[in-house]
Amino acid sequence: MAGHSQFKNIMHRKGKQDAKRGKLFTKLIREIMAAARSGLPDPAANPRLRAAVLAARDANMPKDTVDRAIKRGSGQDGGAAYEEVRYEGYGPGRVAVIVEALTDNRNRTASEVRSIFTKGGGSLGETNSVAFMFSRTGEIVYPLAAASADAMFEAALDAGAENVETGAEAHEVLTTVDDFASVRDALEKKFGPARSAKLVWRPQSTVPLAEEQARELFALLEALDDNDDVQTVYANYDVADDVMARLEAAT
């Protein structure tokens, strides 16, 4: 029985991994389509599309799937027209949450997002109800192998960036909204295409959470992320390292 149980657990984990991979592909395809529709269907001439294609490659999406998404987005091969929408609200512990989505049906997405907030112990608010707690910032991410920390810092600041944060896995270059495009283009000329380059919401301050509040919030954020229409979720929480370690060990 133990062997049978172990096999079921392995298959269950594989099923969850496959499901997450499928959902990731769905989100990436929508972003590729939206990027292709917003500009030229050529990654070399469309920075947003270029970033989306690179993200798809990092996720090991087949090339023919990427090509079909570009054609559908540019109107060459049918496909839905996705529009960008933003939702704002509060999660457990009064954590501010911003949800960015791509949808072909605003009513459906709004209903689903509202339901997720309600079931997760949060509340959906009006547009700009929590955005004032975040700063709109350009974020350009390069792998560590692209350059040394000093070289990336110097090049980014010369290009007009506000700051560079080098961590254990990547360089994060931060810019103002107005300078984002010029900094991105300058760094791409020097280091090649970035791993990702987009405008993000960075919290101006964070809300400390106890373990139970953090568990409830993470359940809400995961439910939002599992929704096919949702692309990115931002939240201004802070969880102590020991609490985070226990929560990660429990998953």
Protein backbone atom coordinates (compact mmCIF):
# COMPACT_ATOMS: atom_id res chain seq x y z
CA MET A 1 0.00 0.00 0.00
CA ALA A 2 2.86 2.38 0.78
CA GLY A 3 4.23 2.04 -2.73
CA HIS A 4 0.82 2.63 -4.24
CA SER A 5 0.33 5.70 -2.07
CA GLN A 6 3.71 7.09 -3.03
CA PHE A 7 2.92 6.60 -6.72
CA LYS A 8 -0.39 8.45 -6.30
CA ASN A 9 1.41 11.29 -4.55
CA ILE A 10 3.96 11.51 -7.36
CA MET A 11 1.20 11.53 -9.96
CA HIS A 12 -0.71 14.15 -7.96
CA ARG A 13 2.36 16.42 -7.83
CA LYS A 14 2.98 15.90 -11.53
CA GLY A 15 -0.64 16.74 -12.25
CA LYS A 16 -0.36 19.98 -10.28
CA GLN A 17 2.89 20.86 -12.04
CA ASP A 18 1.33 20.17 -15.45
CA ALA A 19 -1.69 22.26 -14.52
CA LYS A 20 0.52 25.17 -13.42
CA ARG A 21 2.53 24.86 -16.63
CA GLY A 22 -0.69 24.94 -18.65
CA LYS A 23 -1.91 28.04 -16.82
CA LEU A 24 1.47 29.73 -17.33
CA PHE A 25 1.27 29.02 -21.06
CA THR A 26 -2.25 30.49 -21.16
CA LYS A 27 -1.06 33.71 -19.52
CA LEU A 28 2.02 33.95 -21.75
CA ILE A 29 -0.03 33.38 -24.90
CA ARG A 30 -2.42 36.17 -23.91
CA GLU A 31 0.47 38.53 -23.28
CA ILE A 32 2.03 37.66 -26.66
CA MET A 33 -1.30 38.27 -28.39
CA ALA A 34 -1.88 41.57 -26.60
CA ALA A 35 1.68 42.71 -27.34
CA ALA A 36 1.39 41.77 -31.02
CA ARG A 37 -1.91 43.63 -31.28
CA SER A 38 -0.53 46.75 -29.57
CA GLY A 39 2.33 47.21 -32.04
CA LEU A 40 4.18 45.52 -34.87
CA PRO A 41 4.04 41.69 -34.91
CA ASP A 42 7.85 41.62 -35.07
CA PRO A 43 9.69 41.10 -31.77
CA ALA A 44 12.72 42.99 -33.10
CA ALA A 45 10.58 46.12 -33.56
CA ASN A 46 8.17 45.66 -30.63
CA PRO A 47 9.84 45.69 -27.18
CA ARG A 48 6.76 44.44 -25.36
CA LEU A 49 6.41 41.52 -27.76
CA ARG A 50 10.13 40.81 -27.53
CA ALA A 51 9.89 40.56 -23.74
CA ALA A 52 6.83 38.29 -24.00
CA VAL A 53 8.57 35.97 -26.45
CA LEU A 54 11.64 35.76 -24.20
CA ALA A 55 9.42 34.89 -21.23
CA ALA A 56 7.79 32.16 -23.33
CA ARG A 57 11.18 30.75 -24.25
CA ASP A 58 12.22 30.72 -20.58
CA ALA A 59 9.08 28.68 -19.89
CA ASN A 60 10.02 26.24 -22.69
CA MET A 61 6.98 27.09 -24.79
CA PRO A 62 7.22 25.47 -28.26
CA LYS A 63 8.20 27.89 -31.03
CA ASP A 64 5.15 27.04 -33.15
CA THR A 65 2.90 27.95 -30.20
CA VAL A 66 4.64 31.32 -29.91
CA ASP A 67 4.34 31.93 -33.66
CA ARG A 68 0.61 31.07 -33.65
CA ALA A 69 0.03 33.47 -30.74
CA ILE A 70 1.77 36.28 -32.64
CA LYS A 71 -0.34 35.62 -35.74
CA ARG A 72 -3.56 35.51 -33.72
CA GLY A 73 -2.68 38.68 -31.87
CA SER A 74 -1.87 40.57 -35.05
CA GLY A 75 -5.15 39.47 -36.62
CA GLN A 76 -3.56 37.14 -39.18
CA ASP A 77 -5.15 34.02 -37.74
CA GLY A 78 -8.32 35.03 -35.89
CA GLY A 79 -8.20 35.09 -32.12
CA ALA A 80 -9.83 37.13 -29.39
CA ALA A 81 -8.94 40.76 -28.67
CA TYR A 82 -7.68 40.98 -25.09
CA GLU A 83 -7.81 44.24 -23.16
CA GLU A 84 -5.86 45.21 -20.07
CA VAL A 85 -7.83 45.79 -16.88
CA ARG A 86 -6.79 46.48 -13.30
CA TYR A 87 -8.54 45.61 -10.06
CA GLU A 88 -7.69 46.83 -6.57
CA GLY A 89 -8.72 45.73 -3.11
CA TYR A 90 -7.68 44.49 0.29
CA GLY A 91 -6.71 41.01 1.44
CA PRO A 92 -6.49 39.51 4.94
CA GLY A 93 -4.62 41.76 7.37
CA ARG A 94 -5.66 44.82 5.31
CA VAL A 95 -2.93 44.12 2.79
CA ALA A 96 -3.36 46.22 -0.37
CA VAL A 97 -3.63 44.12 -3.55
CA ILE A 98 -3.41 45.16 -7.20
CA VAL A 99 -4.47 42.68 -9.89
CA GLU A 100 -3.56 43.14 -13.54
CA ALA A 101 -5.50 41.06 -16.06
CA LEU A 102 -5.93 40.49 -19.78
CA THR A 103 -9.49 39.63 -20.70
CA ASP A 104 -11.87 39.27 -23.63
CA ASN A 105 -14.86 39.65 -21.28
CA ARG A 106 -14.65 42.35 -18.61
CA ASN A 107 -17.89 41.32 -16.88
CA ARG A 108 -16.73 37.72 -16.47
CA THR A 109 -13.31 38.69 -15.15
CA ALA A 110 -14.68 41.29 -12.73
CA SER A 111 -17.16 38.77 -11.35
CA GLU A 112 -14.51 36.07 -10.92
CA VAL A 113 -11.99 38.41 -9.28
CA ARG A 114 -14.62 39.79 -6.91
CA SER A 115 -15.62 36.25 -5.95
CA ILE A 116 -11.99 35.29 -5.24
CA PHE A 117 -11.53 38.32 -3.00
CA THR A 118 -14.73 37.59 -1.09
CA LYS A 119 -14.03 33.89 -0.59
CA GLY A 120 -10.44 34.67 0.43
CA GLY A 121 -11.41 37.02 3.23
CA GLY A 122 -10.71 40.19 1.28
CA SER A 123 -12.73 42.88 -0.45
CA LEU A 124 -12.57 44.31 -3.95
CA GLY A 125 -12.47 48.11 -4.09
CA GLU A 126 -12.76 50.81 -6.71
CA THR A 127 -10.04 51.75 -9.16
CA ASN A 128 -7.30 53.76 -7.40
CA SER A 129 -8.52 52.64 -3.97
CA VAL A 130 -5.05 51.22 -3.13
CA ALA A 131 -2.84 52.32 -6.05
CA PHE A 132 -1.69 55.35 -4.04
CA MET A 133 0.17 52.91 -1.76
CA PHE A 134 2.34 51.79 -4.68
CA SER A 135 4.71 53.49 -7.10
CA ARG A 136 4.50 52.83 -10.83
CA THR A 137 8.05 51.85 -11.77
CA GLY A 138 9.96 50.50 -14.74
CA GLU A 139 11.63 47.18 -13.96
CA ILE A 140 14.25 45.63 -16.24
CA VAL A 141 15.61 42.25 -15.19
CA TYR A 142 18.85 40.65 -16.38
CA PRO A 143 20.35 37.32 -15.32
CA LEU A 144 23.52 37.55 -13.24
CA ALA A 145 25.52 36.14 -16.13
CA ALA A 146 24.75 39.21 -18.27
CA ALA A 147 27.23 41.43 -16.39
CA SER A 148 28.94 41.98 -13.08
CA ALA A 149 27.06 43.96 -10.47
CA ASP A 150 29.37 46.94 -10.95
CA ALA A 151 29.09 46.86 -14.75
CA MET A 152 25.30 46.64 -14.65
CA PHE A 153 25.06 49.42 -12.06
CA GLU A 154 27.32 51.74 -14.05
CA ALA A 155 25.60 51.08 -17.38
CA ALA A 156 22.12 51.45 -15.89
CA LEU A 157 22.85 54.73 -14.16
CA ASP A 158 24.56 56.10 -17.29
CA ALA A 159 21.37 55.22 -19.20
CA GLY A 160 19.21 57.13 -16.70
CA ALA A 161 18.03 54.41 -14.30
CA GLU A 162 17.12 55.29 -10.73
CA ASN A 163 18.69 52.25 -9.08
CA VAL A 164 19.97 48.70 -9.55
CA GLU A 165 19.29 45.87 -7.11
CA THR A 166 21.49 42.80 -7.59
CA GLY A 167 20.26 39.72 -5.76
CA ALA A 168 21.09 36.03 -5.68
CA GLU A 169 19.50 35.34 -9.07
CA ALA A 170 19.29 38.53 -11.13
CA HIS A 171 19.93 42.24 -11.61
CA GLU A 172 16.82 44.41 -11.25
CA VAL A 173 17.12 47.81 -12.87
CA LEU A 174 14.55 50.36 -11.68
CA THR A 175 13.47 53.41 -13.66
CA THR A 176 10.83 56.09 -13.76
CA VAL A 177 7.92 55.52 -16.13
CA ASP A 178 9.18 58.28 -18.44
CA ASP A 179 12.72 56.88 -18.63
CA PHE A 180 11.76 53.21 -18.88
CA ALA A 181 11.91 52.85 -22.68
CA SER A 182 15.20 54.72 -23.13
CA VAL A 183 16.93 52.80 -20.31
CA ARG A 184 15.62 49.48 -21.63
CA ASP A 185 16.86 50.25 -25.15
CA ALA A 186 20.29 51.40 -23.92
CA LEU A 187 20.80 48.27 -21.82
CA GLU A 188 19.67 45.99 -24.65
CA LYS A 189 22.30 47.55 -26.92
CA LYS A 190 24.97 46.81 -24.33
CA PHE A 191 23.86 43.49 -22.80
CA GLY A 192 21.30 42.06 -25.23
CA PRO A 193 17.59 41.42 -24.56
CA ALA A 194 16.50 41.56 -20.92
CA ARG A 195 14.89 38.58 -19.21
CA SER A 196 11.90 40.84 -18.61
CA ALA A 197 11.17 44.53 -19.04
CA LYS A 198 7.87 46.00 -17.89
CA LEU A 199 6.12 48.57 -15.75
CA VAL A 200 5.34 47.23 -12.27
CA TRP A 201 3.70 48.36 -9.03
CA ARG A 202 6.18 48.55 -6.13
CA PRO A 203 4.77 49.09 -2.61
CA GLN A 204 5.79 52.29 -0.86
CA SER A 205 5.44 50.56 2.52
CA THR A 206 4.52 47.08 3.72
CA VAL A 207 2.10 45.54 6.21
CA PRO A 208 3.60 43.04 8.70
CA LEU A 209 1.62 39.81 8.93
CA ALA A 210 1.39 37.10 11.57
CA GLU A 211 1.54 33.49 10.42
CA GLU A 212 -2.21 32.86 10.21
CA GLN A 213 -2.81 36.12 8.35
CA ALA A 214 0.00 35.28 5.95
CA ARG A 215 -1.48 31.83 5.31
CA GLU A 216 -4.86 33.36 4.49
CA LEU A 217 -3.32 36.04 2.27
CA PHE A 218 -1.20 33.53 0.33
CA ALA A 219 -4.29 31.42 -0.30
CA LEU A 220 -6.03 34.47 -1.77
CA LEU A 221 -3.02 35.42 -3.91
CA GLU A 222 -2.68 31.86 -5.19
CA ALA A 223 -6.39 31.75 -6.09
CA LEU A 224 -5.99 35.00 -8.02
CA ASP A 225 -2.90 33.71 -9.80
CA ASP A 226 -4.74 30.52 -10.76
CA ASN A 227 -7.32 32.56 -12.70
CA ASP A 228 -6.55 32.44 -16.43
CA ASP A 229 -7.37 36.13 -16.93
CA VAL A 230 -5.03 37.34 -14.18
CA GLN A 231 -1.52 38.18 -15.37
CA THR A 232 0.19 39.71 -12.33
CA VAL A 233 -0.69 40.27 -8.67
CA TYR A 234 1.02 42.80 -6.39
CA ALA A 235 0.60 43.03 -2.61
CA ASN A 236 2.29 45.17 0.08
CA TYR A 237 2.83 42.52 2.75
CA ASP A 238 5.86 41.71 4.91
CA VAL A 239 6.37 38.27 6.46
CA ALA A 240 9.22 37.36 8.81
CA ASP A 241 11.76 34.87 7.44
CA ASP A 242 10.99 32.17 10.01
CA VAL A 243 7.25 32.42 9.30
CA MET A 244 7.87 32.26 5.56
CA ALA A 245 10.05 29.18 6.01
CA ARG A 246 7.28 27.38 7.94
CA LEU A 247 4.67 28.30 5.35
CA GLU A 248 6.88 27.10 2.48
CA ALA A 249 7.61 23.84 4.30
CA ALA A 250 3.89 23.22 4.71
CA THR A 251 3.15 23.47 0.97
